[in-house]
Amino acid sequence: MDSFFERLIQELDNRKHLNALFPNRPIMIKFVCDKEEWGLYISKNSCSIMKKDIGESNLEIHASKPILCHLLNGHIRLSQLVKNNELTLYGSYRLSLLLESILWLSKDYQIA
């Protein structure tokens, strides 16, 4: 799972145009899978992943490993997973839309 988060951070760093979406005040998004937790920290200044001492989050997502992999790779939208009851989401609708946009725009794509 760590490799999926590392890829995401690398894509967010490489795609400078996404910086316009990032909030001025930092937000913390907690991903919970089985007994593991990851914290995605996003702000205009930086993006990073935390594995320990995550603390309080603005948005929390509980999902199985395969579902989380599909979400982080951009293969399926967050709203679709919520609609299908394939994950549990705690937090504001606005932040969930922001996260969905960031994940969708940071997915790998093929150049024809």
PDB file of N, CA and C in Angstrom:
ATOM      1  N   MET A   1       0.818  -1.201   0.000  1.00  0.00           N
ATOM      2  CA  MET A   1       0.000   0.000   0.000  1.00  0.00           C
ATOM      3  C   MET A   1       0.860   1.263   0.000  1.00  0.00           C
ATOM      4  N   ASP A   2       1.995   1.178   0.651  1.00  0.00           N
ATOM      5  CA  ASP A   2       2.859   2.358   0.716  1.00  0.00           C
ATOM      6  C   ASP A   2       3.245   2.845  -0.677  1.00  0.00           C
ATOM      7  N   SER A   3       3.450   1.916  -1.593  1.00  0.00           N
ATOM      8  CA  SER A   3       3.850   2.302  -2.952  1.00  0.00           C
ATOM      9  C   SER A   3       2.749   3.098  -3.662  1.00  0.00           C
ATOM     10  N   PHE A   4       1.482   2.801  -3.372  1.00  0.00           N
ATOM     11  CA  PHE A   4       0.373   3.543  -3.976  1.00  0.00           C
ATOM     12  C   PHE A   4       0.364   4.989  -3.482  1.00  0.00           C
ATOM     13  N   PHE A   5       0.612   5.163  -2.189  1.00  0.00           N
ATOM     14  CA  PHE A   5       0.649   6.512  -1.628  1.00  0.00           C
ATOM     15  C   PHE A   5       1.878   7.275  -2.116  1.00  0.00           C
ATOM     16  N   GLU A   6       3.000   6.597  -2.235  1.00  0.00           N
ATOM     17  CA  GLU A   6       4.213   7.243  -2.742  1.00  0.00           C
ATOM     18  C   GLU A   6       4.021   7.702  -4.181  1.00  0.00           C
ATOM     19  N   ARG A   7       3.367   6.874  -4.997  1.00  0.00           N
ATOM     20  CA  ARG A   7       3.079   7.258  -6.376  1.00  0.00           C
ATOM     21  C   ARG A   7       2.177   8.483  -6.416  1.00  0.00           C
ATOM     22  N   LEU A   8       1.172   8.499  -5.542  1.00  0.00           N
ATOM     23  CA  LEU A   8       0.250   9.627  -5.489  1.00  0.00           C
ATOM     24  C   LEU A   8       0.992  10.917  -5.146  1.00  0.00           C
ATOM     25  N   ILE A   9       1.838  10.878  -4.142  1.00  0.00           N
ATOM     26  CA  ILE A   9       2.592  12.068  -3.743  1.00  0.00           C
ATOM     27  C   ILE A   9       3.508  12.520  -4.877  1.00  0.00           C
ATOM     28  N   GLN A  10       4.136  11.577  -5.547  1.00  0.00           N
ATOM     29  CA  GLN A  10       5.012  11.912  -6.666  1.00  0.00           C
ATOM     30  C   GLN A  10       4.222  12.594  -7.784  1.00  0.00           C
ATOM     31  N   GLU A  11       3.046  12.071  -8.086  1.00  0.00           N
ATOM     32  CA  GLU A  11       2.210  12.677  -9.131  1.00  0.00           C
ATOM     33  C   GLU A  11       1.744  14.074  -8.723  1.00  0.00           C
ATOM     34  N   LEU A  12       1.385  14.247  -7.459  1.00  0.00           N
ATOM     35  CA  LEU A  12       0.945  15.560  -6.990  1.00  0.00           C
ATOM     36  C   LEU A  12       2.083  16.570  -7.058  1.00  0.00           C
ATOM     37  N   ASP A  13       3.293  16.128  -6.767  1.00  0.00           N
ATOM     38  CA  ASP A  13       4.456  17.016  -6.861  1.00  0.00           C
ATOM     39  C   ASP A  13       4.790  17.351  -8.310  1.00  0.00           C
ATOM     40  N   ASN A  14       4.631  16.392  -9.206  1.00  0.00           N
ATOM     41  CA  ASN A  14       4.980  16.596 -10.619  1.00  0.00           C
ATOM     42  C   ASN A  14       3.959  17.444 -11.369  1.00  0.00           C
ATOM     43  N   ARG A  15       2.725  17.366 -10.985  1.00  0.00           N
ATOM     44  CA  ARG A  15       1.656  18.077 -11.702  1.00  0.00           C
ATOM     45  C   ARG A  15       1.357  19.396 -10.996  1.00  0.00           C
ATOM     46  N   LYS A  16       2.156  20.381 -11.311  1.00  0.00           N
ATOM     47  CA  LYS A  16       2.079  21.686 -10.638  1.00  0.00           C
ATOM     48  C   LYS A  16       0.732  22.379 -10.862  1.00  0.00           C
ATOM     49  N   HIS A  17       0.064  22.074 -11.966  1.00  0.00           N
ATOM     50  CA  HIS A  17      -1.225  22.708 -12.237  1.00  0.00           C
ATOM     51  C   HIS A  17      -2.294  22.303 -11.212  1.00  0.00           C
ATOM     52  N   LEU A  18      -2.094  21.178 -10.527  1.00  0.00           N
ATOM     53  CA  LEU A  18      -3.053  20.753  -9.503  1.00  0.00           C
ATOM     54  C   LEU A  18      -2.954  21.600  -8.243  1.00  0.00           C
ATOM     55  N   ASN A  19      -1.857  22.325  -8.108  1.00  0.00           N
ATOM     56  CA  ASN A  19      -1.648  23.150  -6.922  1.00  0.00           C
ATOM     57  C   ASN A  19      -2.779  24.170  -6.735  1.00  0.00           C
ATOM     58  N   ALA A  20      -3.414  24.573  -7.819  1.00  0.00           N
ATOM     59  CA  ALA A  20      -4.526  25.523  -7.734  1.00  0.00           C
ATOM     60  C   ALA A  20      -5.709  24.941  -6.957  1.00  0.00           C
ATOM     61  N   LEU A  21      -5.826  23.618  -6.927  1.00  0.00           N
ATOM     62  CA  LEU A  21      -6.915  22.967  -6.188  1.00  0.00           C
ATOM     63  C   LEU A  21      -6.638  22.874  -4.687  1.00  0.00           C
ATOM     64  N   PHE A  22      -5.365  22.893  -4.314  1.00  0.00           N
ATOM     65  CA  PHE A  22      -4.997  22.643  -2.927  1.00  0.00           C
ATOM     66  C   PHE A  22      -5.408  23.807  -2.031  1.00  0.00           C
ATOM     67  N   PRO A  23      -5.867  23.493  -0.821  1.00  0.00           N
ATOM     68  CA  PRO A  23      -6.327  24.540   0.098  1.00  0.00           C
ATOM     69  C   PRO A  23      -5.159  25.323   0.706  1.00  0.00           C
ATOM     70  N   ASN A  24      -5.443  26.582   1.077  1.00  0.00           N
ATOM     71  CA  ASN A  24      -4.437  27.396   1.765  1.00  0.00           C
ATOM     72  C   ASN A  24      -4.142  26.825   3.144  1.00  0.00           C
ATOM     73  N   ARG A  25      -5.202  26.462   3.853  1.00  0.00           N
ATOM     74  CA  ARG A  25      -5.025  25.830   5.164  1.00  0.00           C
ATOM     75  C   ARG A  25      -4.902  24.334   4.952  1.00  0.00           C
ATOM     76  N   PRO A  26      -3.933  23.705   5.614  1.00  0.00           N
ATOM     77  CA  PRO A  26      -3.714  22.272   5.398  1.00  0.00           C
ATOM     78  C   PRO A  26      -4.905  21.415   5.827  1.00  0.00           C
ATOM     79  N   ILE A  27      -5.111  20.334   5.100  1.00  0.00           N
ATOM     80  CA  ILE A  27      -6.125  19.346   5.480  1.00  0.00           C
ATOM     81  C   ILE A  27      -5.445  17.987   5.628  1.00  0.00           C
ATOM     82  N   MET A  28      -6.022  17.166   6.481  1.00  0.00           N
ATOM     83  CA  MET A  28      -5.509  15.816   6.712  1.00  0.00           C
ATOM     84  C   MET A  28      -6.609  14.838   6.341  1.00  0.00           C
ATOM     85  N   ILE A  29      -6.277  13.896   5.479  1.00  0.00           N
ATOM     86  CA  ILE A  29      -7.216  12.860   5.068  1.00  0.00           C
ATOM     87  C   ILE A  29      -6.662  11.531   5.549  1.00  0.00           C
ATOM     88  N   LYS A  30      -7.444  10.843   6.357  1.00  0.00           N
ATOM     89  CA  LYS A  30      -7.002   9.567   6.922  1.00  0.00           C
ATOM     90  C   LYS A  30      -7.612   8.426   6.129  1.00  0.00           C
ATOM     91  N   PHE A  31      -6.756   7.494   5.719  1.00  0.00           N
ATOM     92  CA  PHE A  31      -7.182   6.284   5.028  1.00  0.00           C
ATOM     93  C   PHE A  31      -6.978   5.117   5.979  1.00  0.00           C
ATOM     94  N   VAL A  32      -8.030   4.333   6.215  1.00  0.00           N
ATOM     95  CA  VAL A  32      -7.951   3.184   7.114  1.00  0.00           C
ATOM     96  C   VAL A  32      -8.250   1.928   6.303  1.00  0.00           C
ATOM     97  N   CYS A  33      -7.310   0.986   6.352  1.00  0.00           N
ATOM     98  CA  CYS A  33      -7.435  -0.272   5.624  1.00  0.00           C
ATOM     99  C   CYS A  33      -6.994  -1.384   6.557  1.00  0.00           C
ATOM    100  N   ASP A  34      -7.914  -2.286   6.870  1.00  0.00           N
ATOM    101  CA  ASP A  34      -7.660  -3.336   7.851  1.00  0.00           C
ATOM    102  C   ASP A  34      -7.221  -2.677   9.159  1.00  0.00           C
ATOM    103  N   LYS A  35      -6.011  -2.917   9.617  1.00  0.00           N
ATOM    104  CA  LYS A  35      -5.549  -2.298  10.867  1.00  0.00           C
ATOM    105  C   LYS A  35      -4.473  -1.253  10.618  1.00  0.00           C
ATOM    106  N   GLU A  36      -4.320  -0.841   9.366  1.00  0.00           N
ATOM    107  CA  GLU A  36      -3.308   0.155   9.016  1.00  0.00           C
ATOM    108  C   GLU A  36      -3.969   1.494   8.729  1.00  0.00           C
ATOM    109  N   GLU A  37      -3.216   2.564   8.992  1.00  0.00           N
ATOM    110  CA  GLU A  37      -3.694   3.917   8.733  1.00  0.00           C
ATOM    111  C   GLU A  37      -2.623   4.715   8.006  1.00  0.00           C
ATOM    112  N   TRP A  38      -3.073   5.562   7.088  1.00  0.00           N
ATOM    113  CA  TRP A  38      -2.201   6.504   6.400  1.00  0.00           C
ATOM    114  C   TRP A  38      -2.870   7.862   6.456  1.00  0.00           C
ATOM    115  N   GLY A  39      -2.076   8.889   6.575  1.00  0.00           N
ATOM    116  CA  GLY A  39      -2.584  10.248   6.567  1.00  0.00           C
ATOM    117  C   GLY A  39      -2.042  11.001   5.367  1.00  0.00           C
ATOM    118  N   LEU A  40      -2.928  11.522   4.545  1.00  0.00           N
ATOM    119  CA  LEU A  40      -2.535  12.338   3.394  1.00  0.00           C
ATOM    120  C   LEU A  40      -2.691  13.798   3.797  1.00  0.00           C
ATOM    121  N   TYR A  41      -1.578  14.503   3.836  1.00  0.00           N
ATOM    122  CA  TYR A  41      -1.538  15.900   4.231  1.00  0.00           C
ATOM    123  C   TYR A  41      -1.444  16.727   2.958  1.00  0.00           C
ATOM    124  N   ILE A  42      -2.404  17.632   2.766  1.00  0.00           N
ATOM    125  CA  ILE A  42      -2.435  18.435   1.543  1.00  0.00           C
ATOM    126  C   ILE A  42      -2.568  19.908   1.903  1.00  0.00           C
ATOM    127  N   SER A  43      -1.700  20.719   1.307  1.00  0.00           N
ATOM    128  CA  SER A  43      -1.822  22.173   1.411  1.00  0.00           C
ATOM    129  C   SER A  43      -1.132  22.793   0.202  1.00  0.00           C
ATOM    130  N   LYS A  44      -1.273  24.099   0.038  1.00  0.00           N
ATOM    131  CA  LYS A  44      -0.612  24.788  -1.072  1.00  0.00           C
ATOM    132  C   LYS A  44       0.900  24.636  -0.996  1.00  0.00           C
ATOM    133  N   ASN A  45       1.426  24.523   0.236  1.00  0.00           N
ATOM    134  CA  ASN A  45       2.880  24.459   0.426  1.00  0.00           C
ATOM    135  C   ASN A  45       3.465  23.080   0.186  1.00  0.00           C
ATOM    136  N   SER A  46       2.727  22.023   0.546  1.00  0.00           N
ATOM    137  CA  SER A  46       3.290  20.677   0.403  1.00  0.00           C
ATOM    138  C   SER A  46       2.215  19.606   0.485  1.00  0.00           C
ATOM    139  N   CYS A  47       2.592  18.430   0.018  1.00  0.00           N
ATOM    140  CA  CYS A  47       1.763  17.231   0.140  1.00  0.00           C
ATOM    141  C   CYS A  47       2.663  16.134   0.683  1.00  0.00           C
ATOM    142  N   SER A  48       2.147  15.376   1.631  1.00  0.00           N
ATOM    143  CA  SER A  48       2.961  14.298   2.191  1.00  0.00           C
ATOM    144  C   SER A  48       2.060  13.208   2.750  1.00  0.00           C
ATOM    145  N   ILE A  49       2.688  12.067   3.021  1.00  0.00           N
ATOM    146  CA  ILE A  49       1.999  10.920   3.611  1.00  0.00           C
ATOM    147  C   ILE A  49       2.594  10.665   4.979  1.00  0.00           C
ATOM    148  N   MET A  50       1.727  10.411   5.938  1.00  0.00           N
ATOM    149  CA  MET A  50       2.176  10.052   7.282  1.00  0.00           C
ATOM    150  C   MET A  50       1.661   8.668   7.609  1.00  0.00           C
ATOM    151  N   LYS A  51       2.469   7.909   8.278  1.00  0.00           N
ATOM    152  CA  LYS A  51       2.089   6.557   8.671  1.00  0.00           C
ATOM    153  C   LYS A  51       1.885   6.470  10.183  1.00  0.00           C
ATOM    154  N   LYS A  52       2.514   7.380  10.931  1.00  0.00           N
ATOM    155  CA  LYS A  52       2.417   7.363  12.388  1.00  0.00           C
ATOM    156  C   LYS A  52       1.946   8.720  12.886  1.00  0.00           C
ATOM    157  N   ASP A  53       1.338   8.711  14.055  1.00  0.00           N
ATOM    158  CA  ASP A  53       0.897   9.956  14.705  1.00  0.00           C
ATOM    159  C   ASP A  53       0.066  10.829  13.771  1.00  0.00           C
ATOM    160  N   ILE A  54      -0.940  10.232  13.179  1.00  0.00           N
ATOM    161  CA  ILE A  54      -1.776  10.956  12.223  1.00  0.00           C
ATOM    162  C   ILE A  54      -2.628  12.008  12.927  1.00  0.00           C
ATOM    163  N   GLY A  55      -3.161  11.660  14.075  1.00  0.00           N
ATOM    164  CA  GLY A  55      -3.967  12.623  14.818  1.00  0.00           C
ATOM    165  C   GLY A  55      -5.341  12.819  14.207  1.00  0.00           C
ATOM    166  N   GLU A  56      -5.869  13.998  14.402  1.00  0.00           N
ATOM    167  CA  GLU A  56      -7.220  14.312  13.942  1.00  0.00           C
ATOM    168  C   GLU A  56      -7.218  14.585  12.439  1.00  0.00           C
ATOM    169  N   SER A  57      -8.255  14.093  11.776  1.00  0.00           N
ATOM    170  CA  SER A  57      -8.342  14.270  10.325  1.00  0.00           C
ATOM    171  C   SER A  57      -9.583  15.068   9.955  1.00  0.00           C
ATOM    172  N   ASN A  58      -9.541  15.687   8.785  1.00  0.00           N
ATOM    173  CA  ASN A  58     -10.691  16.413   8.253  1.00  0.00           C
ATOM    174  C   ASN A  58     -11.629  15.497   7.485  1.00  0.00           C
ATOM    175  N   LEU A  59     -11.072  14.409   6.967  1.00  0.00           N
ATOM    176  CA  LEU A  59     -11.830  13.441   6.187  1.00  0.00           C
ATOM    177  C   LEU A  59     -11.247  12.070   6.485  1.00  0.00           C
ATOM    178  N   GLU A  60     -12.114  11.076   6.667  1.00  0.00           N
ATOM    179  CA  GLU A  60     -11.645   9.727   6.985  1.00  0.00           C
ATOM    180  C   GLU A  60     -12.319   8.724   6.064  1.00  0.00           C
ATOM    181  N   ILE A  61     -11.503   7.824   5.513  1.00  0.00           N
ATOM    182  CA  ILE A  61     -11.991   6.822   4.570  1.00  0.00           C
ATOM    183  C   ILE A  61     -11.606   5.443   5.069  1.00  0.00           C
ATOM    184  N   HIS A  62     -12.598   4.552   5.169  1.00  0.00           N
ATOM    185  CA  HIS A  62     -12.375   3.158   5.558  1.00  0.00           C
ATOM    186  C   HIS A  62     -12.713   2.288   4.352  1.00  0.00           C
ATOM    187  N   ALA A  63     -11.734   1.474   3.930  1.00  0.00           N
ATOM    188  CA  ALA A  63     -11.953   0.628   2.752  1.00  0.00           C
ATOM    189  C   ALA A  63     -11.055  -0.595   2.816  1.00  0.00           C
ATOM    190  N   SER A  64     -11.415  -1.594   2.025  1.00  0.00           N
ATOM    191  CA  SER A  64     -10.562  -2.781   1.902  1.00  0.00           C
ATOM    192  C   SER A  64      -9.358  -2.427   1.024  1.00  0.00           C
ATOM    193  N   LYS A  65      -8.363  -3.274   1.063  1.00  0.00           N
ATOM    194  CA  LYS A  65      -7.136  -3.016   0.301  1.00  0.00           C
ATOM    195  C   LYS A  65      -7.387  -2.913  -1.204  1.00  0.00           C
ATOM    196  N   PRO A  66      -8.127  -3.850  -1.824  1.00  0.00           N
ATOM    197  CA  PRO A  66      -8.355  -3.726  -3.277  1.00  0.00           C
ATOM    198  C   PRO A  66      -9.104  -2.447  -3.656  1.00  0.00           C
ATOM    199  N   ILE A  67     -10.085  -2.078  -2.853  1.00  0.00           N
ATOM    200  CA  ILE A  67     -10.863  -0.867  -3.133  1.00  0.00           C
ATOM    201  C   ILE A  67      -9.978   0.364  -3.010  1.00  0.00           C
ATOM    202  N   LEU A  68      -9.168   0.404  -1.968  1.00  0.00           N
ATOM    203  CA  LEU A  68      -8.271   1.537  -1.759  1.00  0.00           C
ATOM    204  C   LEU A  68      -7.252   1.650  -2.896  1.00  0.00           C
ATOM    205  N   CYS A  69      -6.775   0.532  -3.381  1.00  0.00           N
ATOM    206  CA  CYS A  69      -5.838   0.533  -4.520  1.00  0.00           C
ATOM    207  C   CYS A  69      -6.491   1.125  -5.763  1.00  0.00           C
ATOM    208  N   HIS A  70      -7.717   0.720  -6.046  1.00  0.00           N
ATOM    209  CA  HIS A  70      -8.442   1.262  -7.206  1.00  0.00           C
ATOM    210  C   HIS A  70      -8.679   2.761  -7.057  1.00  0.00           C
ATOM    211  N   LEU A  71      -9.009   3.184  -5.845  1.00  0.00           N
ATOM    212  CA  LEU A  71      -9.259   4.603  -5.592  1.00  0.00           C
ATOM    213  C   LEU A  71      -7.987   5.418  -5.791  1.00  0.00           C
ATOM    214  N   LEU A  72      -6.893   4.982  -5.198  1.00  0.00           N
ATOM    215  CA  LEU A  72      -5.636   5.733  -5.279  1.00  0.00           C
ATOM    216  C   LEU A  72      -5.059   5.748  -6.688  1.00  0.00           C
ATOM    217  N   ASN A  73      -5.338   4.724  -7.467  1.00  0.00           N
ATOM    218  CA  ASN A  73      -4.860   4.682  -8.852  1.00  0.00           C
ATOM    219  C   ASN A  73      -5.767   5.448  -9.807  1.00  0.00           C
ATOM    220  N   GLY A  74      -6.908   5.901  -9.321  1.00  0.00           N
ATOM    221  CA  GLY A  74      -7.820   6.653 -10.174  1.00  0.00           C
ATOM    222  C   GLY A  74      -8.648   5.787 -11.094  1.00  0.00           C
ATOM    223  N   HIS A  75      -8.772   4.503 -10.784  1.00  0.00           N
ATOM    224  CA  HIS A  75      -9.560   3.606 -11.632  1.00  0.00           C
ATOM    225  C   HIS A  75     -11.058   3.756 -11.401  1.00  0.00           C
ATOM    226  N   ILE A  76     -11.426   4.264 -10.228  1.00  0.00           N
ATOM    227  CA  ILE A  76     -12.844   4.466  -9.914  1.00  0.00           C
ATOM    228  C   ILE A  76     -12.965   5.702  -9.030  1.00  0.00           C
ATOM    229  N   ARG A  77     -14.050   6.425  -9.218  1.00  0.00           N
ATOM    230  CA  ARG A  77     -14.251   7.667  -8.470  1.00  0.00           C
ATOM    231  C   ARG A  77     -14.719   7.394  -7.041  1.00  0.00           C
ATOM    232  N   LEU A  78     -14.333   8.273  -6.147  1.00  0.00           N
ATOM    233  CA  LEU A  78     -14.710   8.175  -4.740  1.00  0.00           C
ATOM    234  C   LEU A  78     -16.229   8.159  -4.586  1.00  0.00           C
ATOM    235  N   SER A  79     -16.926   9.024  -5.290  1.00  0.00           N
ATOM    236  CA  SER A  79     -18.386   9.094  -5.169  1.00  0.00           C
ATOM    237  C   SER A  79     -19.051   7.791  -5.612  1.00  0.00           C
ATOM    238  N   GLN A  80     -18.480   7.130  -6.606  1.00  0.00           N
ATOM    239  CA  GLN A  80     -19.036   5.855  -7.068  1.00  0.00           C
ATOM    240  C   GLN A  80     -18.873   4.782  -6.000  1.00  0.00           C
ATOM    241  N   LEU A  81     -17.720   4.773  -5.328  1.00  0.00           N
ATOM    242  CA  LEU A  81     -17.487   3.798  -4.254  1.00  0.00           C
ATOM    243  C   LEU A  81     -18.420   4.032  -3.074  1.00  0.00           C
ATOM    244  N   VAL A  82     -18.677   5.287  -2.753  1.00  0.00           N
ATOM    245  CA  VAL A  82     -19.614   5.610  -1.669  1.00  0.00           C
ATOM    246  C   VAL A  82     -21.021   5.176  -2.065  1.00  0.00           C
ATOM    247  N   LYS A  83     -21.402   5.469  -3.298  1.00  0.00           N
ATOM    248  CA  LYS A  83     -22.733   5.105  -3.792  1.00  0.00           C
ATOM    249  C   LYS A  83     -22.950   3.592  -3.752  1.00  0.00           C
ATOM    250  N   ASN A  84     -21.894   2.831  -4.057  1.00  0.00           N
ATOM    251  CA  ASN A  84     -21.977   1.369  -4.063  1.00  0.00           C
ATOM    252  C   ASN A  84     -21.720   0.752  -2.695  1.00  0.00           C
ATOM    253  N   ASN A  85     -21.579   1.586  -1.681  1.00  0.00           N
ATOM    254  CA  ASN A  85     -21.289   1.132  -0.306  1.00  0.00           C
ATOM    255  C   ASN A  85     -20.038   0.260  -0.226  1.00  0.00           C
ATOM    256  N   GLU A  86     -19.038   0.595  -1.022  1.00  0.00           N
ATOM    257  CA  GLU A  86     -17.790  -0.165  -1.012  1.00  0.00           C
ATOM    258  C   GLU A  86     -16.749   0.445  -0.082  1.00  0.00           C
ATOM    259  N   LEU A  87     -17.028   1.625   0.430  1.00  0.00           N
ATOM    260  CA  LEU A  87     -16.180   2.237   1.443  1.00  0.00           C
ATOM    261  C   LEU A  87     -17.028   3.112   2.337  1.00  0.00           C
ATOM    262  N   THR A  88     -16.458   3.471   3.487  1.00  0.00           N
ATOM    263  CA  THR A  88     -17.140   4.351   4.429  1.00  0.00           C
ATOM    264  C   THR A  88     -16.379   5.661   4.479  1.00  0.00           C
ATOM    265  N   LEU A  89     -17.121   6.756   4.413  1.00  0.00           N
ATOM    266  CA  LEU A  89     -16.531   8.084   4.363  1.00  0.00           C
ATOM    267  C   LEU A  89     -17.080   8.914   5.509  1.00  0.00           C
ATOM    268  N   TYR A  90     -16.181   9.528   6.274  1.00  0.00           N
ATOM    269  CA  TYR A  90     -16.564  10.417   7.364  1.00  0.00           C
ATOM    270  C   TYR A  90     -15.968  11.786   7.081  1.00  0.00           C
ATOM    271  N   GLY A  91     -16.808  12.799   7.003  1.00  0.00           N
ATOM    272  CA  GLY A  91     -16.317  14.149   6.750  1.00  0.00           C
ATOM    273  C   GLY A  91     -17.266  14.898   5.838  1.00  0.00           C
ATOM    274  N   SER A  92     -16.847  16.084   5.448  1.00  0.00           N
ATOM    275  CA  SER A  92     -17.724  16.953   4.668  1.00  0.00           C
ATOM    276  C   SER A  92     -17.781  16.535   3.197  1.00  0.00           C
ATOM    277  N   TYR A  93     -18.900  16.849   2.604  1.00  0.00           N
ATOM    278  CA  TYR A  93     -19.105  16.552   1.187  1.00  0.00           C
ATOM    279  C   TYR A  93     -18.124  17.351   0.329  1.00  0.00           C
ATOM    280  N   ARG A  94     -17.889  18.590   0.721  1.00  0.00           N
ATOM    281  CA  ARG A  94     -16.979  19.460  -0.018  1.00  0.00           C
ATOM    282  C   ARG A  94     -15.566  18.869  -0.075  1.00  0.00           C
ATOM    283  N   LEU A  95     -15.074  18.373   1.061  1.00  0.00           N
ATOM    284  CA  LEU A  95     -13.738  17.764   1.085  1.00  0.00           C
ATOM    285  C   LEU A  95     -13.694  16.464   0.290  1.00  0.00           C
ATOM    286  N   SER A  96     -14.788  15.715   0.309  1.00  0.00           N
ATOM    287  CA  SER A  96     -14.811  14.474  -0.475  1.00  0.00           C
ATOM    288  C   SER A  96     -14.751  14.786  -1.972  1.00  0.00           C
ATOM    289  N   LEU A  97     -15.410  15.864  -2.402  1.00  0.00           N
ATOM    290  CA  LEU A  97     -15.335  16.274  -3.812  1.00  0.00           C
ATOM    291  C   LEU A  97     -13.926  16.739  -4.175  1.00  0.00           C
ATOM    292  N   LEU A  98     -13.285  17.457  -3.253  1.00  0.00           N
ATOM    293  CA  LEU A  98     -11.914  17.902  -3.484  1.00  0.00           C
ATOM    294  C   LEU A  98     -10.983  16.706  -3.634  1.00  0.00           C
ATOM    295  N   LEU A  99     -11.103  15.748  -2.720  1.00  0.00           N
ATOM    296  CA  LEU A  99     -10.260  14.557  -2.794  1.00  0.00           C
ATOM    297  C   LEU A  99     -10.522  13.781  -4.077  1.00  0.00           C
ATOM    298  N   GLU A 100     -11.784  13.629  -4.440  1.00  0.00           N
ATOM    299  CA  GLU A 100     -12.116  12.916  -5.679  1.00  0.00           C
ATOM    300  C   GLU A 100     -11.462  13.594  -6.884  1.00  0.00           C
ATOM    301  N   SER A 101     -11.508  14.902  -6.929  1.00  0.00           N
ATOM    302  CA  SER A 101     -10.890  15.645  -8.034  1.00  0.00           C
ATOM    303  C   SER A 101      -9.384  15.443  -8.069  1.00  0.00           C
ATOM    304  N   ILE A 102      -8.757  15.539  -6.910  1.00  0.00           N
ATOM    305  CA  ILE A 102      -7.302  15.381  -6.831  1.00  0.00           C
ATOM    306  C   ILE A 102      -6.884  13.983  -7.260  1.00  0.00           C
ATOM    307  N   LEU A 103      -7.582  12.964  -6.763  1.00  0.00           N
ATOM    308  CA  LEU A 103      -7.236  11.588  -7.121  1.00  0.00           C
ATOM    309  C   LEU A 103      -7.465  11.321  -8.604  1.00  0.00           C
ATOM    310  N   TRP A 104      -8.557  11.842  -9.134  1.00  0.00           N
ATOM    311  CA  TRP A 104      -8.883  11.610 -10.540  1.00  0.00           C
ATOM    312  C   TRP A 104      -7.865  12.288 -11.458  1.00  0.00           C
ATOM    313  N   LEU A 105      -7.455  13.499 -11.095  1.00  0.00           N
ATOM    314  CA  LEU A 105      -6.522  14.247 -11.938  1.00  0.00           C
ATOM    315  C   LEU A 105      -5.069  13.803 -11.775  1.00  0.00           C
ATOM    316  N   SER A 106      -4.791  13.046 -10.737  1.00  0.00           N
ATOM    317  CA  SER A 106      -3.413  12.585 -10.522  1.00  0.00           C
ATOM    318  C   SER A 106      -3.197  11.142 -10.974  1.00  0.00           C
ATOM    319  N   LYS A 107      -4.214  10.547 -11.588  1.00  0.00           N
ATOM    320  CA  LYS A 107      -4.068   9.150 -12.016  1.00  0.00           C
ATOM    321  C   LYS A 107      -3.110   9.049 -13.194  1.00  0.00           C
ATOM    322  N   ASP A 108      -2.546   7.858 -13.359  1.00  0.00           N
ATOM    323  CA  ASP A 108      -1.677   7.591 -14.508  1.00  0.00           C
ATOM    324  C   ASP A 108      -2.506   7.622 -15.781  1.00  0.00           C
ATOM    325  N   TYR A 109      -1.927   8.120 -16.828  1.00  0.00           N
ATOM    326  CA  TYR A 109      -2.609   8.090 -18.112  1.00  0.00           C
ATOM    327  C   TYR A 109      -1.607   7.778 -19.212  1.00  0.00           C
ATOM    328  N   GLN A 110      -2.112   7.206 -20.273  1.00  0.00           N
ATOM    329  CA  GLN A 110      -1.286   6.816 -21.415  1.00  0.00           C
ATOM    330  C   GLN A 110      -1.324   7.926 -22.459  1.00  0.00           C
ATOM    331  N   ILE A 111      -0.182   8.215 -23.011  1.00  0.00           N
ATOM    332  CA  ILE A 111      -0.124   9.177 -24.112  1.00  0.00           C
ATOM    333  C   ILE A 111      -0.162   8.381 -25.411  1.00  0.00           C
ATOM    334  N   ALA A 112      -1.141   8.711 -26.252  1.00  0.00           N
ATOM    335  CA  ALA A 112      -1.332   7.936 -27.491  1.00  0.00           C
ATOM    336  C   ALA A 112      -0.263   8.214 -28.506  1.00  0.00           C
TER     337      ALA A 112
END
